[in-house]
């Protein structure tokens, strides 16, 4: 079960991921409140490639900066 913070991150990422043909499998927020680590798990039907992850890193970071 996702926390409310994880749900809001998921809601922000899902539209862009869908446009890229990527599924956001789950989100995890771990660590301290001051310095959390946000883990975003991605996949594609044909399997996700390193290039997909590299490209996703850019738009995930952009969207996270907006939150």
Protein backbone atom coordinates (compact mmCIF):
# COMPACT_ATOMS: atom_id res chain seq x y z
CA UNK A 1 0.00 0.00 0.00
CA UNK A 2 1.37 3.37 -1.00
CA UNK A 3 1.61 6.30 1.39
CA UNK A 4 -0.10 9.56 0.44
CA UNK A 5 3.28 11.00 -0.58
CA UNK A 6 4.00 7.98 -2.78
CA UNK A 7 0.51 8.22 -4.30
CA UNK A 8 1.03 11.89 -5.21
CA UNK A 9 4.40 11.09 -6.82
CA UNK A 10 2.83 8.21 -8.74
CA UNK A 11 0.00 10.46 -9.96
CA UNK A 12 2.55 13.02 -11.19
CA UNK A 13 4.68 10.44 -13.03
CA UNK A 14 2.07 8.14 -14.59
CA UNK A 15 0.85 10.40 -17.44
CA UNK A 16 4.38 11.03 -18.73
CA UNK A 17 5.36 7.40 -18.29
CA UNK A 18 2.31 6.30 -20.27
CA UNK A 19 3.21 8.75 -23.04
CA UNK A 20 6.68 7.16 -23.15
CA UNK A 21 5.24 3.63 -23.25
CA UNK A 22 6.55 2.90 -19.76
CA UNK A 23 4.71 1.54 -16.72
CA UNK A 24 5.44 2.92 -13.26
CA UNK A 25 5.41 -0.35 -11.30
CA UNK A 26 5.70 1.23 -7.86
CA UNK A 27 7.21 4.09 -5.88
CA UNK A 28 9.09 3.87 -2.58
CA UNK A 29 10.08 6.77 -0.34
CA UNK A 30 12.71 5.65 2.17
CA UNK A 31 15.17 7.32 4.51
CA UNK A 32 14.81 10.38 6.68
CA UNK A 33 12.28 13.16 6.17
CA UNK A 34 15.10 15.65 5.64
CA UNK A 35 16.85 13.57 2.98
CA UNK A 36 14.48 10.97 1.56
CA UNK A 37 15.41 8.59 -1.22
CA UNK A 38 12.68 8.13 -3.81
CA UNK A 39 12.80 4.87 -5.74
CA UNK A 40 10.84 4.69 -8.97
CA UNK A 41 10.41 1.22 -10.47
CA UNK A 42 9.73 1.22 -14.21
CA UNK A 43 8.98 -1.47 -16.80
CA UNK A 44 7.83 -1.95 -20.39
CA UNK A 45 6.00 -4.90 -21.97
CA UNK A 46 9.09 -5.78 -24.01
CA UNK A 47 11.42 -5.12 -21.07
CA UNK A 48 13.08 -1.87 -20.15
CA UNK A 49 16.47 -1.00 -21.62
CA UNK A 50 19.24 1.08 -20.14
CA UNK A 51 18.48 3.85 -22.67
CA UNK A 52 14.86 3.93 -21.44
CA UNK A 53 16.06 4.36 -17.87
CA UNK A 54 18.52 7.07 -18.86
CA UNK A 55 15.79 9.01 -20.67
CA UNK A 56 13.31 8.46 -17.82
CA UNK A 57 15.81 9.84 -15.32
CA UNK A 58 15.57 13.22 -17.05
CA UNK A 59 11.77 13.53 -17.06
CA UNK A 60 11.39 11.95 -13.61
CA UNK A 61 13.80 14.54 -12.18
CA UNK A 62 11.96 17.36 -13.97
CA UNK A 63 8.60 16.24 -12.61
CA UNK A 64 9.99 15.73 -9.11
CA UNK A 65 11.37 19.29 -9.15
CA UNK A 66 7.81 20.52 -9.80
CA UNK A 67 6.38 18.75 -6.74
